[in-house]
């Protein structure tokens, strides 16, 4: 996914008068512009990996918001955030299943020879490259922590 592709998606959603999709894409492009400024100023152009990273960050924010709104009993906001999350996920690569992630976590623990929670960083370092855009890293972290406890 590139910034240009997102801009095309924004144009298409505006022409289709899809207000929710347009809103999500505007926020996403704004976050991407902010990311570019943070990385290197006006001359920096986000790579595909950067774009994926920003989309994942926005998706994580939606998941966190959904949890908080559920706790507060705000179903209308849960529904809105869920719709936004679905749109963001449409721009991410296919996510791995829970079983696939568990198998990779087990393999990484064996490969790194890690046995205690103190060495969790070694496992997470090994997993980040393998799973970064294919699984929610918060979920991966929880699996590793659970397995090493």
C-alpha atoms as a PDB file:
ATOM      1  CA  UNK A   1       0.000   0.000   0.000  1.00  0.00           C
ATOM      2  CA  UNK A   2       1.403   3.369  -0.975  1.00  0.00           C
ATOM      3  CA  UNK A   3       0.421   6.916  -0.097  1.00  0.00           C
ATOM      4  CA  UNK A   4      -0.658   7.494  -3.711  1.00  0.00           C
ATOM      5  CA  UNK A   5      -2.965   4.464  -3.536  1.00  0.00           C
ATOM      6  CA  UNK A   6      -4.537   5.846  -0.359  1.00  0.00           C
ATOM      7  CA  UNK A   7      -5.047   9.211  -2.060  1.00  0.00           C
ATOM      8  CA  UNK A   8      -6.775   7.452  -4.978  1.00  0.00           C
ATOM      9  CA  UNK A   9      -8.970   5.563  -2.496  1.00  0.00           C
ATOM     10  CA  UNK A  10      -9.870   8.895  -0.886  1.00  0.00           C
ATOM     11  CA  UNK A  11     -10.909  10.371  -4.243  1.00  0.00           C
ATOM     12  CA  UNK A  12     -13.019   7.309  -5.026  1.00  0.00           C
ATOM     13  CA  UNK A  13     -14.737   7.379  -1.630  1.00  0.00           C
ATOM     14  CA  UNK A  14     -15.483  11.083  -2.026  1.00  0.00           C
ATOM     15  CA  UNK A  15     -17.005  10.501  -5.456  1.00  0.00           C
ATOM     16  CA  UNK A  16     -19.063   7.616  -4.049  1.00  0.00           C
ATOM     17  CA  UNK A  17     -20.161   9.884  -1.159  1.00  0.00           C
ATOM     18  CA  UNK A  18     -19.047   7.288   1.385  1.00  0.00           C
ATOM     19  CA  UNK A  19     -18.675   9.589   4.381  1.00  0.00           C
ATOM     20  CA  UNK A  20     -17.250   7.052   6.839  1.00  0.00           C
ATOM     21  CA  UNK A  21     -14.597   5.744   4.425  1.00  0.00           C
ATOM     22  CA  UNK A  22     -13.709   9.309   3.407  1.00  0.00           C
ATOM     23  CA  UNK A  23     -13.321  10.304   7.053  1.00  0.00           C
ATOM     24  CA  UNK A  24     -11.116   7.293   7.857  1.00  0.00           C
ATOM     25  CA  UNK A  25      -8.927   7.887   4.802  1.00  0.00           C
ATOM     26  CA  UNK A  26      -8.515  11.577   5.625  1.00  0.00           C
ATOM     27  CA  UNK A  27      -7.433  10.707   9.167  1.00  0.00           C
ATOM     28  CA  UNK A  28      -5.082   8.034   7.844  1.00  0.00           C
ATOM     29  CA  UNK A  29      -3.479  10.388   5.316  1.00  0.00           C
ATOM     30  CA  UNK A  30      -3.136  13.036   8.020  1.00  0.00           C
ATOM     31  CA  UNK A  31      -1.391  10.528  10.300  1.00  0.00           C
ATOM     32  CA  UNK A  32       0.854   9.512   7.421  1.00  0.00           C
ATOM     33  CA  UNK A  33       1.796  13.143   6.727  1.00  0.00           C
ATOM     34  CA  UNK A  34       2.570  13.649  10.405  1.00  0.00           C
ATOM     35  CA  UNK A  35       4.713  10.495  10.341  1.00  0.00           C
ATOM     36  CA  UNK A  36       6.638  11.799   7.315  1.00  0.00           C
ATOM     37  CA  UNK A  37       7.272  15.125   9.031  1.00  0.00           C
ATOM     38  CA  UNK A  38       8.509  13.328  12.160  1.00  0.00           C
ATOM     39  CA  UNK A  39      10.804  11.103  10.078  1.00  0.00           C
ATOM     40  CA  UNK A  40      12.486  13.676   7.916  1.00  0.00           C
ATOM     41  CA  UNK A  41      10.552  16.799   7.201  1.00  0.00           C
ATOM     42  CA  UNK A  42       9.004  17.954   3.954  1.00  0.00           C
ATOM     43  CA  UNK A  43      11.365  15.962   1.738  1.00  0.00           C
ATOM     44  CA  UNK A  44      10.673  12.558   3.302  1.00  0.00           C
ATOM     45  CA  UNK A  45       8.343  10.183   1.466  1.00  0.00           C
ATOM     46  CA  UNK A  46       6.891   7.240   3.346  1.00  0.00           C
ATOM     47  CA  UNK A  47       7.804   3.791   2.064  1.00  0.00           C
ATOM     48  CA  UNK A  48       5.258   0.980   1.786  1.00  0.00           C
ATOM     49  CA  UNK A  49       6.522  -0.367   5.112  1.00  0.00           C
ATOM     50  CA  UNK A  50       5.999   3.065   6.700  1.00  0.00           C
ATOM     51  CA  UNK A  51       2.440   3.214   5.342  1.00  0.00           C
ATOM     52  CA  UNK A  52       1.677  -0.241   6.741  1.00  0.00           C
ATOM     53  CA  UNK A  53       3.125   0.781  10.088  1.00  0.00           C
ATOM     54  CA  UNK A  54       0.869   3.862  10.247  1.00  0.00           C
ATOM     55  CA  UNK A  55      -2.200   1.822   9.246  1.00  0.00           C
ATOM     56  CA  UNK A  56      -1.391  -0.738  11.953  1.00  0.00           C
ATOM     57  CA  UNK A  57      -0.984   2.020  14.527  1.00  0.00           C
ATOM     58  CA  UNK A  58      -4.370   3.491  13.587  1.00  0.00           C
ATOM     59  CA  UNK A  59      -5.981   0.031  13.717  1.00  0.00           C
ATOM     60  CA  UNK A  60      -4.497  -0.571  17.176  1.00  0.00           C
ATOM     61  CA  UNK A  61      -5.918   2.736  18.369  1.00  0.00           C
ATOM     62  CA  UNK A  62      -9.356   1.636  17.162  1.00  0.00           C
ATOM     63  CA  UNK A  63      -9.061  -1.740  18.935  1.00  0.00           C
ATOM     64  CA  UNK A  64      -8.040   0.018  22.159  1.00  0.00           C
ATOM     65  CA  UNK A  65     -10.923   2.485  21.821  1.00  0.00           C
ATOM     66  CA  UNK A  66     -13.399  -0.335  21.230  1.00  0.00           C
ATOM     67  CA  UNK A  67     -12.320  -2.000  24.479  1.00  0.00           C
ATOM     68  CA  UNK A  68     -12.637   1.239  26.442  1.00  0.00           C
ATOM     69  CA  UNK A  69     -16.046   2.082  24.965  1.00  0.00           C
ATOM     70  CA  UNK A  70     -17.282  -1.437  25.770  1.00  0.00           C
ATOM     71  CA  UNK A  71     -16.231  -0.967  29.392  1.00  0.00           C
ATOM     72  CA  UNK A  72     -18.057   2.369  29.485  1.00  0.00           C
ATOM     73  CA  UNK A  73     -21.214   0.900  27.892  1.00  0.00           C
ATOM     74  CA  UNK A  74     -21.058   3.204  24.858  1.00  0.00           C
ATOM     75  CA  UNK A  75     -22.334   0.853  22.152  1.00  0.00           C
ATOM     76  CA  UNK A  76     -22.812   3.588  19.511  1.00  0.00           C
ATOM     77  CA  UNK A  77     -19.114   4.470  19.772  1.00  0.00           C
ATOM     78  CA  UNK A  78     -18.140   0.770  19.729  1.00  0.00           C
ATOM     79  CA  UNK A  79     -20.079   0.396  16.459  1.00  0.00           C
ATOM     80  CA  UNK A  80     -18.426   3.484  14.921  1.00  0.00           C
ATOM     81  CA  UNK A  81     -14.911   2.400  15.910  1.00  0.00           C
ATOM     82  CA  UNK A  82     -15.588  -1.151  14.673  1.00  0.00           C
ATOM     83  CA  UNK A  83     -16.649   0.200  11.274  1.00  0.00           C
ATOM     84  CA  UNK A  84     -13.508   2.326  11.087  1.00  0.00           C
ATOM     85  CA  UNK A  85     -11.370  -0.664  12.084  1.00  0.00           C
ATOM     86  CA  UNK A  86     -12.884  -2.770   9.278  1.00  0.00           C
ATOM     87  CA  UNK A  87     -11.966  -0.072   6.748  1.00  0.00           C
ATOM     88  CA  UNK A  88      -8.397   0.157   8.072  1.00  0.00           C
ATOM     89  CA  UNK A  89      -8.008  -3.633   8.009  1.00  0.00           C
ATOM     90  CA  UNK A  90      -8.980  -3.671   4.340  1.00  0.00           C
ATOM     91  CA  UNK A  91      -5.673  -1.891   3.642  1.00  0.00           C
ATOM     92  CA  UNK A  92      -3.556  -4.340   5.649  1.00  0.00           C
ATOM     93  CA  UNK A  93      -2.185  -7.637   4.348  1.00  0.00           C
ATOM     94  CA  UNK A  94      -4.061 -10.809   5.268  1.00  0.00           C
ATOM     95  CA  UNK A  95      -3.547 -11.478   8.969  1.00  0.00           C
ATOM     96  CA  UNK A  96      -2.293 -14.854  10.177  1.00  0.00           C
ATOM     97  CA  UNK A  97      -4.577 -17.129  12.155  1.00  0.00           C
ATOM     98  CA  UNK A  98      -4.145 -17.518  15.898  1.00  0.00           C
ATOM     99  CA  UNK A  99      -2.854 -21.091  15.453  1.00  0.00           C
ATOM    100  CA  UNK A 100      -0.244 -19.993  12.893  1.00  0.00           C
ATOM    101  CA  UNK A 101       0.964 -17.241  15.232  1.00  0.00           C
ATOM    102  CA  UNK A 102       1.170 -19.668  18.172  1.00  0.00           C
ATOM    103  CA  UNK A 103       3.276 -22.077  16.081  1.00  0.00           C
ATOM    104  CA  UNK A 104       5.691 -19.308  15.075  1.00  0.00           C
ATOM    105  CA  UNK A 105       5.930 -18.107  18.705  1.00  0.00           C
ATOM    106  CA  UNK A 106       6.770 -21.654  19.867  1.00  0.00           C
ATOM    107  CA  UNK A 107       9.399 -21.982  17.139  1.00  0.00           C
ATOM    108  CA  UNK A 108      10.987 -18.627  18.056  1.00  0.00           C
ATOM    109  CA  UNK A 109      11.136 -19.577  21.748  1.00  0.00           C
ATOM    110  CA  UNK A 110      12.900 -22.822  20.856  1.00  0.00           C
ATOM    111  CA  UNK A 111      15.292 -21.119  18.393  1.00  0.00           C
ATOM    112  CA  UNK A 112      16.307 -18.425  20.892  1.00  0.00           C
ATOM    113  CA  UNK A 113      16.591 -20.898  23.756  1.00  0.00           C
ATOM    114  CA  UNK A 114      14.526 -18.631  25.961  1.00  0.00           C
ATOM    115  CA  UNK A 115      13.078 -20.055  29.160  1.00  0.00           C
ATOM    116  CA  UNK A 116      12.257 -17.047  31.355  1.00  0.00           C
ATOM    117  CA  UNK A 117      10.189 -13.907  31.039  1.00  0.00           C
ATOM    118  CA  UNK A 118      13.406 -11.893  31.532  1.00  0.00           C
ATOM    119  CA  UNK A 119      14.500 -12.954  28.034  1.00  0.00           C
ATOM    120  CA  UNK A 120      11.219 -11.977  26.387  1.00  0.00           C
ATOM    121  CA  UNK A 121      13.001  -9.254  24.389  1.00  0.00           C
ATOM    122  CA  UNK A 122      15.048 -11.853  22.501  1.00  0.00           C
ATOM    123  CA  UNK A 123      11.909 -13.671  21.404  1.00  0.00           C
ATOM    124  CA  UNK A 124      10.066 -10.483  20.470  1.00  0.00           C
ATOM    125  CA  UNK A 125      13.074  -9.319  18.446  1.00  0.00           C
ATOM    126  CA  UNK A 126      13.047 -12.558  16.493  1.00  0.00           C
ATOM    127  CA  UNK A 127       9.288 -12.400  15.965  1.00  0.00           C
ATOM    128  CA  UNK A 128       9.029  -8.774  14.923  1.00  0.00           C
ATOM    129  CA  UNK A 129      10.594  -9.348  11.529  1.00  0.00           C
ATOM    130  CA  UNK A 130       8.484 -12.436  10.865  1.00  0.00           C
ATOM    131  CA  UNK A 131       5.121 -11.147  12.043  1.00  0.00           C
ATOM    132  CA  UNK A 132       5.188  -7.351  11.931  1.00  0.00           C
ATOM    133  CA  UNK A 133       2.540  -6.794   9.248  1.00  0.00           C
ATOM    134  CA  UNK A 134       0.929 -10.217   9.494  1.00  0.00           C
ATOM    135  CA  UNK A 135      -0.274 -10.246  13.116  1.00  0.00           C
ATOM    136  CA  UNK A 136      -1.189  -7.870  15.921  1.00  0.00           C
ATOM    137  CA  UNK A 137       2.059  -7.501  17.859  1.00  0.00           C
ATOM    138  CA  UNK A 138       0.161  -6.837  21.099  1.00  0.00           C
ATOM    139  CA  UNK A 139      -1.437 -10.253  20.744  1.00  0.00           C
ATOM    140  CA  UNK A 140       1.981 -11.778  19.946  1.00  0.00           C
ATOM    141  CA  UNK A 141       3.479 -10.140  23.024  1.00  0.00           C
ATOM    142  CA  UNK A 142       0.707 -11.540  25.207  1.00  0.00           C
ATOM    143  CA  UNK A 143       1.275 -15.029  23.763  1.00  0.00           C
ATOM    144  CA  UNK A 144       5.008 -14.846  24.456  1.00  0.00           C
ATOM    145  CA  UNK A 145       4.444 -13.544  27.990  1.00  0.00           C
ATOM    146  CA  UNK A 146       1.885 -16.290  28.658  1.00  0.00           C
ATOM    147  CA  UNK A 147       4.167 -19.009  27.284  1.00  0.00           C
ATOM    148  CA  UNK A 148       7.235 -17.858  29.265  1.00  0.00           C
ATOM    149  CA  UNK A 149       5.402 -17.383  32.572  1.00  0.00           C
END
